[in-house]
Structure formats: structure tokens, C-alpha cells
PDB file of N, CA and C in Angstrom:
ATOM      1  N   MET A   1      14.727   5.757  14.797  1.00  0.00           N
ATOM      2  CA  MET A   1      13.828   6.079  14.796  1.00  0.00           C
ATOM      3  C   MET A   1      13.373   6.314  13.129  1.00  0.00           C
ATOM      4  N   VAL A   2      11.875   6.219  13.151  1.00  0.00           N
ATOM      5  CA  VAL A   2      11.472   6.097  11.865  1.00  0.00           C
ATOM      6  C   VAL A   2      11.389   7.626  11.247  1.00  0.00           C
ATOM      7  N   GLN A   3      11.607   7.497   9.745  1.00  0.00           N
ATOM      8  CA  GLN A   3      11.497   8.972   9.422  1.00  0.00           C
ATOM      9  C   GLN A   3       9.963   9.233   8.943  1.00  0.00           C
ATOM     10  N   THR A   4       9.504  10.416   8.640  1.00  0.00           N
ATOM     11  CA  THR A   4       8.324  10.502   8.002  1.00  0.00           C
ATOM     12  C   THR A   4       7.899  10.089   6.870  1.00  0.00           C
ATOM     13  N   TRP A   5       6.622  10.432   6.391  1.00  0.00           N
ATOM     14  CA  TRP A   5       6.141   9.240   4.745  1.00  0.00           C
ATOM     15  C   TRP A   5       6.615  10.370   3.791  1.00  0.00           C
ATOM     16  N   SER A   6       7.063   9.783   2.975  1.00  0.00           N
ATOM     17  CA  SER A   6       7.317  10.385   1.625  1.00  0.00           C
ATOM     18  C   SER A   6       5.945  10.881   0.836  1.00  0.00           C
ATOM     19  N   GLY A   7       6.386  11.690  -0.058  1.00  0.00           N
ATOM     20  CA  GLY A   7       4.892  12.197  -0.655  1.00  0.00           C
ATOM     21  C   GLY A   7       4.409  11.123  -1.463  1.00  0.00           C
ATOM     22  N   TRP A   8       3.427  11.369  -1.772  1.00  0.00           N
ATOM     23  CA  TRP A   8       2.436  10.348  -2.906  1.00  0.00           C
ATOM     24  C   TRP A   8       3.100  10.459  -4.061  1.00  0.00           C
ATOM     25  N   LYS A   9       3.612   9.268  -4.539  1.00  0.00           N
ATOM     26  CA  LYS A   9       4.206   9.389  -6.248  1.00  0.00           C
ATOM     27  C   LYS A   9       3.452   8.287  -7.044  1.00  0.00           C
ATOM     28  N   ARG A  10       3.398   8.685  -8.222  1.00  0.00           N
ATOM     29  CA  ARG A  10       2.865   7.629  -9.479  1.00  0.00           C
ATOM     30  C   ARG A  10       3.443   6.565  -9.545  1.00  0.00           C
ATOM     31  N   PHE A  11       2.684   5.149  -9.232  1.00  0.00           N
ATOM     32  CA  PHE A  11       3.450   4.154  -9.289  1.00  0.00           C
ATOM     33  C   PHE A  11       4.043   3.957 -10.759  1.00  0.00           C
ATOM     34  N   PRO A  12       4.865   3.383 -10.988  1.00  0.00           N
ATOM     35  CA  PRO A  12       5.595   3.447 -12.257  1.00  0.00           C
ATOM     36  C   PRO A  12       5.241   2.013 -13.343  1.00  0.00           C
ATOM     37  N   ASP A  13       5.118   2.607 -14.143  1.00  0.00           N
ATOM     38  CA  ASP A  13       4.634   0.753 -15.176  1.00  0.00           C
ATOM     39  C   ASP A  13       6.175   0.783 -15.580  1.00  0.00           C
ATOM     40  N   ALA A  14       6.254  -0.711 -15.326  1.00  0.00           N
ATOM     41  CA  ALA A  14       7.498  -1.383 -15.684  1.00  0.00           C
ATOM     42  C   ALA A  14       7.891  -1.450 -17.045  1.00  0.00           C
ATOM     43  N   GLN A  15       6.836  -1.550 -17.915  1.00  0.00           N
ATOM     44  CA  GLN A  15       6.770  -1.524 -19.486  1.00  0.00           C
ATOM     45  C   GLN A  15       7.397  -0.500 -20.022  1.00  0.00           C
ATOM     46  N   SER A  16       7.123   0.923 -19.248  1.00  0.00           N
ATOM     47  CA  SER A  16       7.705   2.053 -19.922  1.00  0.00           C
ATOM     48  C   SER A  16       9.527   2.123 -19.321  1.00  0.00           C
ATOM     49  N   GLY A  17       9.655   1.307 -18.394  1.00  0.00           N
ATOM     50  CA  GLY A  17      11.131   1.529 -18.151  1.00  0.00           C
ATOM     51  C   GLY A  17      11.108   2.557 -16.870  1.00  0.00           C
ATOM     52  N   ASP A  18      10.335   2.814 -16.231  1.00  0.00           N
ATOM     53  CA  ASP A  18      10.259   3.670 -14.874  1.00  0.00           C
ATOM     54  C   ASP A  18      10.635   2.745 -13.743  1.00  0.00           C
ATOM     55  N   HIS A  19      11.053   3.382 -12.659  1.00  0.00           N
ATOM     56  CA  HIS A  19      11.718   2.731 -11.625  1.00  0.00           C
ATOM     57  C   HIS A  19      11.059   3.301 -10.573  1.00  0.00           C
ATOM     58  N   VAL A  20      11.003   2.351  -9.445  1.00  0.00           N
ATOM     59  CA  VAL A  20      10.265   2.671  -8.063  1.00  0.00           C
ATOM     60  C   VAL A  20      11.461   3.676  -7.071  1.00  0.00           C
ATOM     61  N   GLU A  21      11.010   4.618  -6.839  1.00  0.00           N
ATOM     62  CA  GLU A  21      11.822   5.590  -5.995  1.00  0.00           C
ATOM     63  C   GLU A  21      11.485   5.417  -4.197  1.00  0.00           C
ATOM     64  N   ALA A  22      12.103   4.359  -3.625  1.00  0.00           N
ATOM     65  CA  ALA A  22      12.021   3.939  -2.400  1.00  0.00           C
ATOM     66  C   ALA A  22      13.379   3.444  -1.973  1.00  0.00           C
ATOM     67  N   PRO A  23      13.403   3.567  -0.400  1.00  0.00           N
ATOM     68  CA  PRO A  23      14.710   3.150   0.154  1.00  0.00           C
ATOM     69  C   PRO A  23      15.076   1.490  -0.115  1.00  0.00           C
ATOM     70  N   ILE A  24      16.260   1.415  -0.319  1.00  0.00           N
ATOM     71  CA  ILE A  24      17.151   0.148  -0.456  1.00  0.00           C
ATOM     72  C   ILE A  24      16.970  -0.451   0.733  1.00  0.00           C
ATOM     73  N   GLY A  25      16.318  -0.065   1.748  1.00  0.00           N
ATOM     74  CA  GLY A  25      16.769  -0.457   3.035  1.00  0.00           C
ATOM     75  C   GLY A  25      15.408  -0.740   3.986  1.00  0.00           C
ATOM     76  N   PRO A  26      15.381  -1.233   5.305  1.00  0.00           N
ATOM     77  CA  PRO A  26      13.879  -1.225   5.793  1.00  0.00           C
ATOM     78  C   PRO A  26      13.017  -0.139   6.005  1.00  0.00           C
ATOM     79  N   GLY A  27      11.912  -0.720   5.736  1.00  0.00           N
ATOM     80  CA  GLY A  27      10.780   0.570   6.036  1.00  0.00           C
ATOM     81  C   GLY A  27       9.409  -0.130   5.797  1.00  0.00           C
ATOM     82  N   VAL A  28       8.577   0.950   5.624  1.00  0.00           N
ATOM     83  CA  VAL A  28       6.964   0.708   5.456  1.00  0.00           C
ATOM     84  C   VAL A  28       6.542   1.171   4.506  1.00  0.00           C
ATOM     85  N   TYR A  29       5.511   0.470   3.678  1.00  0.00           N
ATOM     86  CA  TYR A  29       5.071   1.307   2.154  1.00  0.00           C
ATOM     87  C   TYR A  29       3.356   1.461   1.992  1.00  0.00           C
ATOM     88  N   GLU A  30       3.041   2.053   1.399  1.00  0.00           N
ATOM     89  CA  GLU A  30       1.551   2.003   1.241  1.00  0.00           C
ATOM     90  C   GLU A  30       1.198   2.456  -0.302  1.00  0.00           C
ATOM     91  N   VAL A  31       0.306   1.509  -0.871  1.00  0.00           N
ATOM     92  CA  VAL A  31      -0.036   1.842  -2.216  1.00  0.00           C
ATOM     93  C   VAL A  31      -1.534   1.715  -2.257  1.00  0.00           C
ATOM     94  N   ARG A  32      -2.205   3.115  -2.702  1.00  0.00           N
ATOM     95  CA  ARG A  32      -3.676   3.245  -2.776  1.00  0.00           C
ATOM     96  C   ARG A  32      -3.694   3.816  -4.347  1.00  0.00           C
ATOM     97  N   HIS A  33      -5.064   3.417  -4.985  1.00  0.00           N
ATOM     98  CA  HIS A  33      -5.891   3.775  -6.030  1.00  0.00           C
ATOM     99  C   HIS A  33      -5.795   5.398  -5.756  1.00  0.00           C
ATOM    100  N   THR A  34      -5.396   5.686  -7.025  1.00  0.00           N
ATOM    101  CA  THR A  34      -5.059   7.519  -6.982  1.00  0.00           C
ATOM    102  C   THR A  34      -6.635   7.785  -6.988  1.00  0.00           C
ATOM    103  N   LEU A  35      -7.948   7.254  -7.620  1.00  0.00           N
ATOM    104  CA  LEU A  35      -8.990   8.030  -7.674  1.00  0.00           C
ATOM    105  C   LEU A  35     -10.085   7.675  -6.540  1.00  0.00           C
ATOM    106  N   THR A  36     -10.388   6.452  -5.867  1.00  0.00           N
ATOM    107  CA  THR A  36     -10.855   6.385  -4.862  1.00  0.00           C
ATOM    108  C   THR A  36      -9.956   6.402  -3.119  1.00  0.00           C
ATOM    109  N   GLY A  37      -8.540   6.101  -3.761  1.00  0.00           N
ATOM    110  CA  GLY A  37      -7.968   6.110  -1.851  1.00  0.00           C
ATOM    111  C   GLY A  37      -7.879   5.004  -1.257  1.00  0.00           C
ATOM    112  N   ARG A  38      -8.187   4.023  -2.181  1.00  0.00           N
ATOM    113  CA  ARG A  38      -8.678   2.477  -1.535  1.00  0.00           C
ATOM    114  C   ARG A  38      -7.103   2.283  -1.560  1.00  0.00           C
ATOM    115  N   VAL A  39      -6.971   1.581  -0.107  1.00  0.00           N
ATOM    116  CA  VAL A  39      -5.475   1.197  -0.048  1.00  0.00           C
ATOM    117  C   VAL A  39      -5.448  -0.452  -0.840  1.00  0.00           C
ATOM    118  N   VAL A  40      -4.245  -0.450  -1.598  1.00  0.00           N
ATOM    119  CA  VAL A  40      -4.037  -1.886  -2.539  1.00  0.00           C
ATOM    120  C   VAL A  40      -2.921  -2.709  -1.692  1.00  0.00           C
ATOM    121  N   ALA A  41      -2.135  -2.105  -1.264  1.00  0.00           N
ATOM    122  CA  ALA A  41      -1.105  -2.667  -0.561  1.00  0.00           C
ATOM    123  C   ALA A  41      -0.552  -1.970   0.994  1.00  0.00           C
ATOM    124  N   PHE A  42      -0.496  -2.371   1.821  1.00  0.00           N
ATOM    125  CA  PHE A  42       0.095  -2.022   2.731  1.00  0.00           C
ATOM    126  C   PHE A  42       1.669  -2.925   3.910  1.00  0.00           C
ATOM    127  N   GLY A  43       2.730  -2.752   3.913  1.00  0.00           N
ATOM    128  CA  GLY A  43       3.534  -3.747   4.788  1.00  0.00           C
ATOM    129  C   GLY A  43       4.897  -2.885   4.699  1.00  0.00           C
ATOM    130  N   HIS A  44       5.370  -4.020   5.634  1.00  0.00           N
ATOM    131  CA  HIS A  44       7.127  -3.626   5.808  1.00  0.00           C
ATOM    132  C   HIS A  44       7.863  -4.299   5.315  1.00  0.00           C
ATOM    133  N   ALA A  45       9.031  -4.426   4.902  1.00  0.00           N
ATOM    134  CA  ALA A  45       9.868  -4.887   4.460  1.00  0.00           C
ATOM    135  C   ALA A  45      11.665  -4.490   4.601  1.00  0.00           C
ATOM    136  N   SER A  46      12.318  -5.477   4.426  1.00  0.00           N
ATOM    137  CA  SER A  46      13.699  -5.271   4.468  1.00  0.00           C
ATOM    138  C   SER A  46      14.189  -4.514   3.586  1.00  0.00           C
ATOM    139  N   ASN A  47      13.957  -4.554   2.565  1.00  0.00           N
ATOM    140  CA  ASN A  47      14.319  -3.907   1.401  1.00  0.00           C
ATOM    141  C   ASN A  47      12.959  -2.945   0.511  1.00  0.00           C
ATOM    142  N   VAL A  48      12.445  -2.071   0.873  1.00  0.00           N
ATOM    143  CA  VAL A  48      11.332  -1.617   0.374  1.00  0.00           C
ATOM    144  C   VAL A  48      10.883  -1.182  -1.008  1.00  0.00           C
ATOM    145  N   ALA A  49      12.300  -1.090  -1.938  1.00  0.00           N
ATOM    146  CA  ALA A  49      12.058  -0.483  -3.058  1.00  0.00           C
ATOM    147  C   ALA A  49      11.584  -2.047  -3.944  1.00  0.00           C
ATOM    148  N   HIS A  50      12.682  -3.300  -3.374  1.00  0.00           N
ATOM    149  CA  HIS A  50      12.216  -4.613  -3.869  1.00  0.00           C
ATOM    150  C   HIS A  50      10.924  -5.001  -3.670  1.00  0.00           C
ATOM    151  N   ALA A  51      10.291  -4.700  -2.294  1.00  0.00           N
ATOM    152  CA  ALA A  51       9.035  -5.335  -2.115  1.00  0.00           C
ATOM    153  C   ALA A  51       7.881  -4.606  -3.093  1.00  0.00           C
ATOM    154  N   LEU A  52       8.196  -3.040  -3.547  1.00  0.00           N
ATOM    155  CA  LEU A  52       7.442  -2.477  -4.104  1.00  0.00           C
ATOM    156  C   LEU A  52       7.379  -3.118  -5.648  1.00  0.00           C
ATOM    157  N   SER A  53       8.433  -3.638  -6.162  1.00  0.00           N
ATOM    158  CA  SER A  53       8.893  -3.864  -7.211  1.00  0.00           C
ATOM    159  C   SER A  53       8.194  -5.082  -7.367  1.00  0.00           C
ATOM    160  N   GLU A  54       8.057  -5.966  -6.569  1.00  0.00           N
ATOM    161  CA  GLU A  54       7.507  -7.445  -6.525  1.00  0.00           C
ATOM    162  C   GLU A  54       6.144  -7.489  -6.468  1.00  0.00           C
ATOM    163  N   LEU A  55       5.225  -6.332  -6.175  1.00  0.00           N
ATOM    164  CA  LEU A  55       4.042  -6.659  -6.033  1.00  0.00           C
ATOM    165  C   LEU A  55       3.473  -6.871  -7.765  1.00  0.00           C
ATOM    166  N   LYS A  56       2.537  -7.473  -7.196  1.00  0.00           N
ATOM    167  CA  LYS A  56       1.892  -8.197  -8.416  1.00  0.00           C
ATOM    168  C   LYS A  56       0.372  -7.498  -8.804  1.00  0.00           C
ATOM    169  N   LEU A  57       0.375  -6.390  -9.271  1.00  0.00           N
ATOM    170  CA  LEU A  57      -0.834  -5.460  -9.081  1.00  0.00           C
ATOM    171  C   LEU A  57      -1.700  -5.579 -10.418  1.00  0.00           C
ATOM    172  N   ASN A  58      -1.327  -5.707 -11.526  1.00  0.00           N
ATOM    173  CA  ASN A  58      -2.192  -6.194 -12.562  1.00  0.00           C
ATOM    174  C   ASN A  58      -2.060  -7.596 -13.130  1.00  0.00           C
ATOM    175  N   GLY A  59      -1.746  -8.372 -12.375  1.00  0.00           N
ATOM    176  CA  GLY A  59      -1.880  -9.805 -12.671  1.00  0.00           C
ATOM    177  C   GLY A  59      -0.020 -10.376 -13.431  1.00  0.00           C
ATOM    178  N   GLY A  60       0.318  -9.818 -14.695  1.00  0.00           N
ATOM    179  CA  GLY A  60       1.486 -10.235 -14.742  1.00  0.00           C
ATOM    180  C   GLY A  60       1.379 -11.581 -15.098  1.00  0.00           C
ATOM    181  N   VAL A  61       0.605 -12.056 -15.624  1.00  0.00           N
ATOM    182  CA  VAL A  61       0.837 -13.444 -16.012  1.00  0.00           C
ATOM    183  C   VAL A  61      -0.170 -13.589 -17.132  1.00  0.00           C
ATOM    184  N   GLY A  62      -0.073 -14.409 -17.947  1.00  0.00           N
ATOM    185  CA  GLY A  62      -0.609 -15.015 -19.177  1.00  0.00           C
ATOM    186  C   GLY A  62      -2.280 -15.132 -19.355  1.00  0.00           C
ATOM    187  N   THR A  63      -2.866 -15.204 -20.313  1.00  0.00           N
ATOM    188  CA  THR A  63      -4.363 -15.430 -20.245  1.00  0.00           C
ATOM    189  C   THR A  63      -4.806 -16.701 -19.758  1.00  0.00           C
ATOM    190  N   PHE A  64      -3.929 -17.638 -19.999  1.00  0.00           N
ATOM    191  CA  PHE A  64      -4.642 -18.779 -19.393  1.00  0.00           C
ATOM    192  C   PHE A  64      -4.513 -19.227 -17.967  1.00  0.00           C
ATOM    193  N   ALA A  65      -3.121 -18.485 -17.310  1.00  0.00           N
ATOM    194  CA  ALA A  65      -3.117 -18.283 -15.744  1.00  0.00           C
ATOM    195  C   ALA A  65      -4.332 -17.499 -15.292  1.00  0.00           C
ATOM    196  N   ARG A  66      -5.133 -16.286 -15.910  1.00  0.00           N
ATOM    197  CA  ARG A  66      -5.524 -15.822 -15.167  1.00  0.00           C
ATOM    198  C   ARG A  66      -7.136 -16.074 -15.469  1.00  0.00           C
ATOM    199  N   LEU A  67      -7.431 -17.187 -16.170  1.00  0.00           N
ATOM    200  CA  LEU A  67      -8.754 -18.240 -15.907  1.00  0.00           C
ATOM    201  C   LEU A  67      -8.900 -18.445 -14.577  1.00  0.00           C
ATOM    202  N   PHE A  68      -7.715 -19.105 -14.349  1.00  0.00           N
ATOM    203  CA  PHE A  68      -7.874 -19.879 -12.755  1.00  0.00           C
ATOM    204  C   PHE A  68      -7.537 -18.927 -11.503  1.00  0.00           C
ATOM    205  N   ARG A  69      -7.187 -17.971 -11.720  1.00  0.00           N
ATOM    206  CA  ARG A  69      -6.916 -17.220 -10.650  1.00  0.00           C
ATOM    207  C   ARG A  69      -7.584 -15.751 -10.171  1.00  0.00           C
ATOM    208  N   LYS A  70      -7.783 -15.236  -9.126  1.00  0.00           N
ATOM    209  CA  LYS A  70      -8.454 -14.068  -8.924  1.00  0.00           C
ATOM    210  C   LYS A  70      -8.025 -13.039  -9.846  1.00  0.00           C
ATOM    211  N   GLN A  71      -8.921 -12.272 -10.075  1.00  0.00           N
ATOM    212  CA  GLN A  71      -8.860 -10.854 -10.807  1.00  0.00           C
ATOM    213  C   GLN A  71      -7.911  -9.843  -9.925  1.00  0.00           C
ATOM    214  N   PRO A  72      -6.851  -9.129 -10.850  1.00  0.00           N
ATOM    215  CA  PRO A  72      -5.849  -8.595  -9.805  1.00  0.00           C
ATOM    216  C   PRO A  72      -6.906  -7.257  -9.455  1.00  0.00           C
ATOM    217  N   LEU A  73      -6.266  -6.463  -8.125  1.00  0.00           N
ATOM    218  CA  LEU A  73      -6.970  -5.452  -7.792  1.00  0.00           C
ATOM    219  C   LEU A  73      -6.996  -4.347  -8.684  1.00  0.00           C
ATOM    220  N   VAL A  74      -6.340  -4.318  -9.304  1.00  0.00           N
ATOM    221  CA  VAL A  74      -6.413  -3.028 -10.169  1.00  0.00           C
ATOM    222  C   VAL A  74      -6.435  -3.191 -11.983  1.00  0.00           C
ATOM    223  N   SER A  75      -6.933  -2.533 -12.569  1.00  0.00           N
ATOM    224  CA  SER A  75      -6.964  -2.852 -14.007  1.00  0.00           C
ATOM    225  C   SER A  75      -5.796  -2.199 -14.467  1.00  0.00           C
ATOM    226  N   ARG A  76      -5.457  -1.174 -14.088  1.00  0.00           N
ATOM    227  CA  ARG A  76      -4.061  -0.446 -14.790  1.00  0.00           C
ATOM    228  C   ARG A  76      -3.106  -0.106 -13.447  1.00  0.00           C
ATOM    229  N   VAL A  77      -2.048  -0.027 -13.611  1.00  0.00           N
ATOM    230  CA  VAL A  77      -0.848   0.299 -12.844  1.00  0.00           C
ATOM    231  C   VAL A  77      -0.742   1.789 -12.443  1.00  0.00           C
ATOM    232  N   SER A  78      -0.974   2.656 -13.791  1.00  0.00           N
ATOM    233  CA  SER A  78      -1.084   3.848 -13.727  1.00  0.00           C
ATOM    234  C   SER A  78      -1.957   4.495 -13.084  1.00  0.00           C
ATOM    235  N   ASP A  79      -2.903   4.043 -12.437  1.00  0.00           N
ATOM    236  CA  ASP A  79      -4.212   4.374 -11.695  1.00  0.00           C
ATOM    237  C   ASP A  79      -3.437   3.925 -10.049  1.00  0.00           C
ATOM    238  N   LEU A  80      -2.541   3.720  -9.826  1.00  0.00           N
ATOM    239  CA  LEU A  80      -1.731   4.018  -8.468  1.00  0.00           C
ATOM    240  C   LEU A  80      -0.996   4.746  -7.932  1.00  0.00           C
ATOM    241  N   GLU A  81      -0.645   4.956  -6.945  1.00  0.00           N
ATOM    242  CA  GLU A  81       0.252   5.949  -6.337  1.00  0.00           C
ATOM    243  C   GLU A  81       0.721   5.069  -4.816  1.00  0.00           C
ATOM    244  N   TYR A  82       1.911   5.744  -4.474  1.00  0.00           N
ATOM    245  CA  TYR A  82       2.566   5.015  -3.272  1.00  0.00           C
ATOM    246  C   TYR A  82       3.688   5.911  -2.782  1.00  0.00           C
ATOM    247  N   ARG A  83       3.607   5.476  -1.505  1.00  0.00           N
ATOM    248  CA  ARG A  83       4.347   6.490  -0.602  1.00  0.00           C
ATOM    249  C   ARG A  83       5.465   5.305   0.514  1.00  0.00           C
ATOM    250  N   THR A  84       6.206   6.069   1.075  1.00  0.00           N
ATOM    251  CA  THR A  84       7.378   5.137   1.989  1.00  0.00           C
ATOM    252  C   THR A  84       7.596   5.511   3.060  1.00  0.00           C
ATOM    253  N   CYS A  85       8.080   5.002   4.083  1.00  0.00           N
ATOM    254  CA  CYS A  85       8.677   5.200   5.339  1.00  0.00           C
ATOM    255  C   CYS A  85       9.964   4.841   5.426  1.00  0.00           C
ATOM    256  N   ALA A  86      10.783   5.127   5.675  1.00  0.00           N
ATOM    257  CA  ALA A  86      12.597   4.345   6.159  1.00  0.00           C
ATOM    258  C   ALA A  86      12.319   4.234   7.288  1.00  0.00           C
ATOM    259  N   ALA A  87      13.099   3.131   7.951  1.00  0.00           N
ATOM    260  CA  ALA A  87      13.393   2.915   9.075  1.00  0.00           C
ATOM    261  C   ALA A  87      14.608   2.313   9.380  1.00  0.00           C
ATOM    262  N   ALA A  88      15.258   2.237  10.659  1.00  0.00           N
ATOM    263  CA  ALA A  88      16.444   2.079  10.831  1.00  0.00           C
ATOM    264  C   ALA A  88      16.771   0.569  10.530  1.00  0.00           C
ATOM    265  N   THR A  89      15.680  -0.521  11.066  1.00  0.00           N
ATOM    266  CA  THR A  89      16.164  -1.821  11.171  1.00  0.00           C
ATOM    267  C   THR A  89      14.693  -2.085  10.748  1.00  0.00           C
ATOM    268  N   ARG A  90      14.723  -3.425  10.359  1.00  0.00           N
ATOM    269  CA  ARG A  90      13.595  -4.336   9.810  1.00  0.00           C
ATOM    270  C   ARG A  90      12.514  -4.502  11.122  1.00  0.00           C
ATOM    271  N   ALA A  91      13.304  -4.649  12.393  1.00  0.00           N
ATOM    272  CA  ALA A  91      12.109  -4.707  13.418  1.00  0.00           C
ATOM    273  C   ALA A  91      11.731  -3.409  13.611  1.00  0.00           C
ATOM    274  N   GLU A  92      12.386  -2.126  13.500  1.00  0.00           N
ATOM    275  CA  GLU A  92      11.294  -0.979  14.056  1.00  0.00           C
ATOM    276  C   GLU A  92      10.595  -0.711  12.428  1.00  0.00           C
ATOM    277  N   ALA A  93      10.794  -1.078  11.201  1.00  0.00           N
ATOM    278  CA  ALA A  93       9.837  -1.315  10.224  1.00  0.00           C
ATOM    279  C   ALA A  93       8.390  -1.793  10.662  1.00  0.00           C
ATOM    280  N   LYS A  94       8.617  -3.275  11.078  1.00  0.00           N
ATOM    281  CA  LYS A  94       7.285  -3.969  11.708  1.00  0.00           C
ATOM    282  C   LYS A  94       6.775  -3.456  12.598  1.00  0.00           C
ATOM    283  N   THR A  95       6.986  -2.941  13.372  1.00  0.00           N
ATOM    284  CA  THR A  95       6.818  -2.063  14.624  1.00  0.00           C
ATOM    285  C   THR A  95       6.195  -1.117  14.410  1.00  0.00           C
ATOM    286  N   THR A  96       6.524  -0.045  13.343  1.00  0.00           N
ATOM    287  CA  THR A  96       5.856   0.580  12.685  1.00  0.00           C
ATOM    288  C   THR A  96       4.744   0.603  12.018  1.00  0.00           C
ATOM    289  N   ALA A  97       4.735  -0.493  11.508  1.00  0.00           N
ATOM    290  CA  ALA A  97       3.684  -0.859  10.434  1.00  0.00           C
ATOM    291  C   ALA A  97       2.626  -1.486  11.326  1.00  0.00           C
ATOM    292  N   SER A  98       2.634  -1.875  12.105  1.00  0.00           N
ATOM    293  CA  SER A  98       2.003  -2.626  13.287  1.00  0.00           C
ATOM    294  C   SER A  98       1.192  -1.695  13.812  1.00  0.00           C
ATOM    295  N   ARG A  99       1.773  -0.497  14.406  1.00  0.00           N
ATOM    296  CA  ARG A  99       1.188   0.874  15.058  1.00  0.00           C
ATOM    297  C   ARG A  99       0.438   1.629  14.016  1.00  0.00           C
ATOM    298  N   LEU A 100       0.764   1.707  12.999  1.00  0.00           N
ATOM    299  CA  LEU A 100       0.084   2.607  11.857  1.00  0.00           C
ATOM    300  C   LEU A 100      -1.336   1.605  11.601  1.00  0.00           C
ATOM    301  N   LEU A 101      -1.439   0.440  11.249  1.00  0.00           N
ATOM    302  CA  LEU A 101      -2.329  -0.453  11.129  1.00  0.00           C
ATOM    303  C   LEU A 101      -3.166  -0.361  12.119  1.00  0.00           C
ATOM    304  N   GLY A 102      -2.896  -0.149  13.355  1.00  0.00           N
ATOM    305  CA  GLY A 102      -3.665  -0.633  14.892  1.00  0.00           C
ATOM    306  C   GLY A 102      -4.466   1.227  14.563  1.00  0.00           C
ATOM    307  N   LEU A 103      -3.505   2.397  14.375  1.00  0.00           N
ATOM    308  CA  LEU A 103      -4.209   3.781  14.385  1.00  0.00           C
ATOM    309  C   LEU A 103      -5.052   3.482  12.983  1.00  0.00           C
ATOM    310  N   ARG A 104      -5.115   3.042  11.866  1.00  0.00           N
ATOM    311  CA  ARG A 104      -6.119   3.021  10.893  1.00  0.00           C
ATOM    312  C   ARG A 104      -7.314   2.116  11.303  1.00  0.00           C
ATOM    313  N   GLN A 105      -7.481   1.036  11.938  1.00  0.00           N
ATOM    314  CA  GLN A 105      -8.399   0.272  12.344  1.00  0.00           C
ATOM    315  C   GLN A 105      -8.790   0.929  13.670  1.00  0.00           C
ATOM    316  N   THR A 106      -8.311   2.076  14.534  1.00  0.00           N
ATOM    317  CA  THR A 106      -8.896   2.543  15.384  1.00  0.00           C
ATOM    318  C   THR A 106     -10.099   3.651  14.731  1.00  0.00           C
ATOM    319  N   ALA A 107      -9.242   4.356  13.429  1.00  0.00           N
ATOM    320  CA  ALA A 107     -10.220   5.061  13.123  1.00  0.00           C
ATOM    321  C   ALA A 107     -11.542   4.856  12.205  1.00  0.00           C
ATOM    322  N   TRP A 108     -11.084   3.618  11.539  1.00  0.00           N
ATOM    323  CA  TRP A 108     -12.280   2.912  10.988  1.00  0.00           C
ATOM    324  C   TRP A 108     -13.579   2.715  12.113  1.00  0.00           C
ATOM    325  N   ARG A 109     -13.132   2.254  12.942  1.00  0.00           N
ATOM    326  CA  ARG A 109     -13.921   1.861  14.253  1.00  0.00           C
ATOM    327  C   ARG A 109     -14.801   3.156  14.264  1.00  0.00           C
ATOM    328  N   ARG A 110     -13.875   4.376  14.723  1.00  0.00           N
ATOM    329  CA  ARG A 110     -14.711   5.499  14.846  1.00  0.00           C
ATOM    330  C   ARG A 110     -15.875   5.928  14.095  1.00  0.00           C
ATOM    331  N   ARG A 111     -15.416   6.019  12.899  1.00  0.00           N
ATOM    332  CA  ARG A 111     -15.956   6.313  11.603  1.00  0.00           C
ATOM    333  C   ARG A 111     -17.286   5.526  11.757  1.00  0.00           C
ATOM    334  N   LEU A 112     -17.627   3.858  11.703  1.00  0.00           N
ATOM    335  CA  LEU A 112     -18.611   3.361  11.818  1.00  0.00           C
ATOM    336  C   LEU A 112     -19.140   3.328  12.790  1.00  0.00           C
ATOM    337  N   ASP A 113     -18.501   3.673  14.483  1.00  0.00           N
ATOM    338  CA  ASP A 113     -19.466   3.999  15.333  1.00  0.00           C
ATOM    339  C   ASP A 113     -20.254   5.301  15.459  1.00  0.00           C
ATOM    340  N   LEU A 114     -19.579   6.396  14.829  1.00  0.00           N
ATOM    341  CA  LEU A 114     -20.498   7.554  14.429  1.00  0.00           C
ATOM    342  C   LEU A 114     -21.354   7.338  13.513  1.00  0.00           C
ATOM    343  N   GLY A 115     -21.245   6.661  12.202  1.00  0.00           N
ATOM    344  CA  GLY A 115     -22.454   6.539  11.396  1.00  0.00           C
ATOM    345  C   GLY A 115     -23.430   5.479  12.335  1.00  0.00           C
ATOM    346  N   TRP A 116     -23.151   4.587  13.025  1.00  0.00           N
ATOM    347  CA  TRP A 116     -24.406   4.264  13.530  1.00  0.00           C
ATOM    348  C   TRP A 116     -25.014   4.705  14.666  1.00  0.00           C
ATOM    349  N   ALA A 117     -24.412   5.863  15.531  1.00  0.00           N
ATOM    350  CA  ALA A 117     -25.025   6.759  16.739  1.00  0.00           C
ATOM    351  C   ALA A 117     -26.209   7.513  15.372  1.00  0.00           C
ATOM    352  N   THR A 118     -25.569   8.037  14.496  1.00  0.00           N
ATOM    353  CA  THR A 118     -26.495   8.836  13.410  1.00  0.00           C
ATOM    354  C   THR A 118     -27.354   8.218  12.828  1.00  0.00           C
ATOM    355  N   ARG A 119     -27.480   6.820  12.835  1.00  0.00           N
ATOM    356  CA  ARG A 119     -28.745   6.173  12.166  1.00  0.00           C
ATOM    357  C   ARG A 119     -29.873   5.932  13.422  1.00  0.00           C
ATOM    358  N   GLN A 120     -29.076   5.801  14.430  1.00  0.00           N
ATOM    359  CA  GLN A 120     -29.695   5.354  15.804  1.00  0.00           C
ATOM    360  C   GLN A 120     -30.413   6.872  16.456  1.00  0.00           C
ATOM    361  N   ALA A 121     -30.189   7.807  16.045  1.00  0.00           N
ATOM    362  CA  ALA A 121     -30.642   9.112  16.379  1.00  0.00           C
ATOM    363  C   ALA A 121     -31.706   9.367  15.459  1.00  0.00           C
ATOM    364  N   ASN A 122     -31.993   8.841  14.152  1.00  0.00           N
ATOM    365  CA  ASN A 122     -33.014   9.366  13.494  1.00  0.00           C
ATOM    366  C   ASN A 122     -34.111   8.706  13.196  1.00  0.00           C
TER     367      ASN A 122
END
């Protein structure tokens, strides 16, 4: 059975030597922008800590490579926070991530439908 979400934690800056505090086993993760709440990364992994540490959030490449790639989603890692949810198996993590994604999409559809209904009434 899947555990509950951890609390939100500031995303560590690798240059300052901070570390990600996440399960070294299977689970689900979510990374969002602190000020806007925009989801930057969401997924499941067999090793959540490794998956979070491997995210290329602010480029991580030289100037020449940046010229030919998309710009990173955020300019500073310190503007991010993350939370995790441990799972017993990778399959359980995948199922949970899929279910959570479905719930999120349903919520957005309801929000859009409400907005559309409000516009139609005016």
C-alpha cells in the first residue's frame, strides 16, 4: 500500500552540497515552482532519490549547448520545492502516479467547465 505524501521541501542546490531527502526505493515525486505552484516535474521511479537528483532543472550545461536547446523550465533551483510518496513496488508506484495524474486531469476539466459555464451565463 502507498504511503502518504511527504511535506513540501525546498529543492536543494547541488553546488552548495545539499542533498535530496527522498526514498531510495520506489515511489512517486512531484516538483513545483514555489511562488506559482506550477508543476515542473511529476513521475514515478524505482529510486525516487536518484530520479530527483537526475532532473535537469536549470540546464546544467555550458553556454554553447544552451544556444541549441530549449531553455530550462526554471532559472533557479532555489525557486523549487518537492514532495515524495513511497511505494512498496515499482508497479505500485506506476499505478499510483497514473491514478494521481487522472485525478489532476479531472480536477482541471471541472475547473475549465466551471469557467466556461460562468462565461456562458454572462
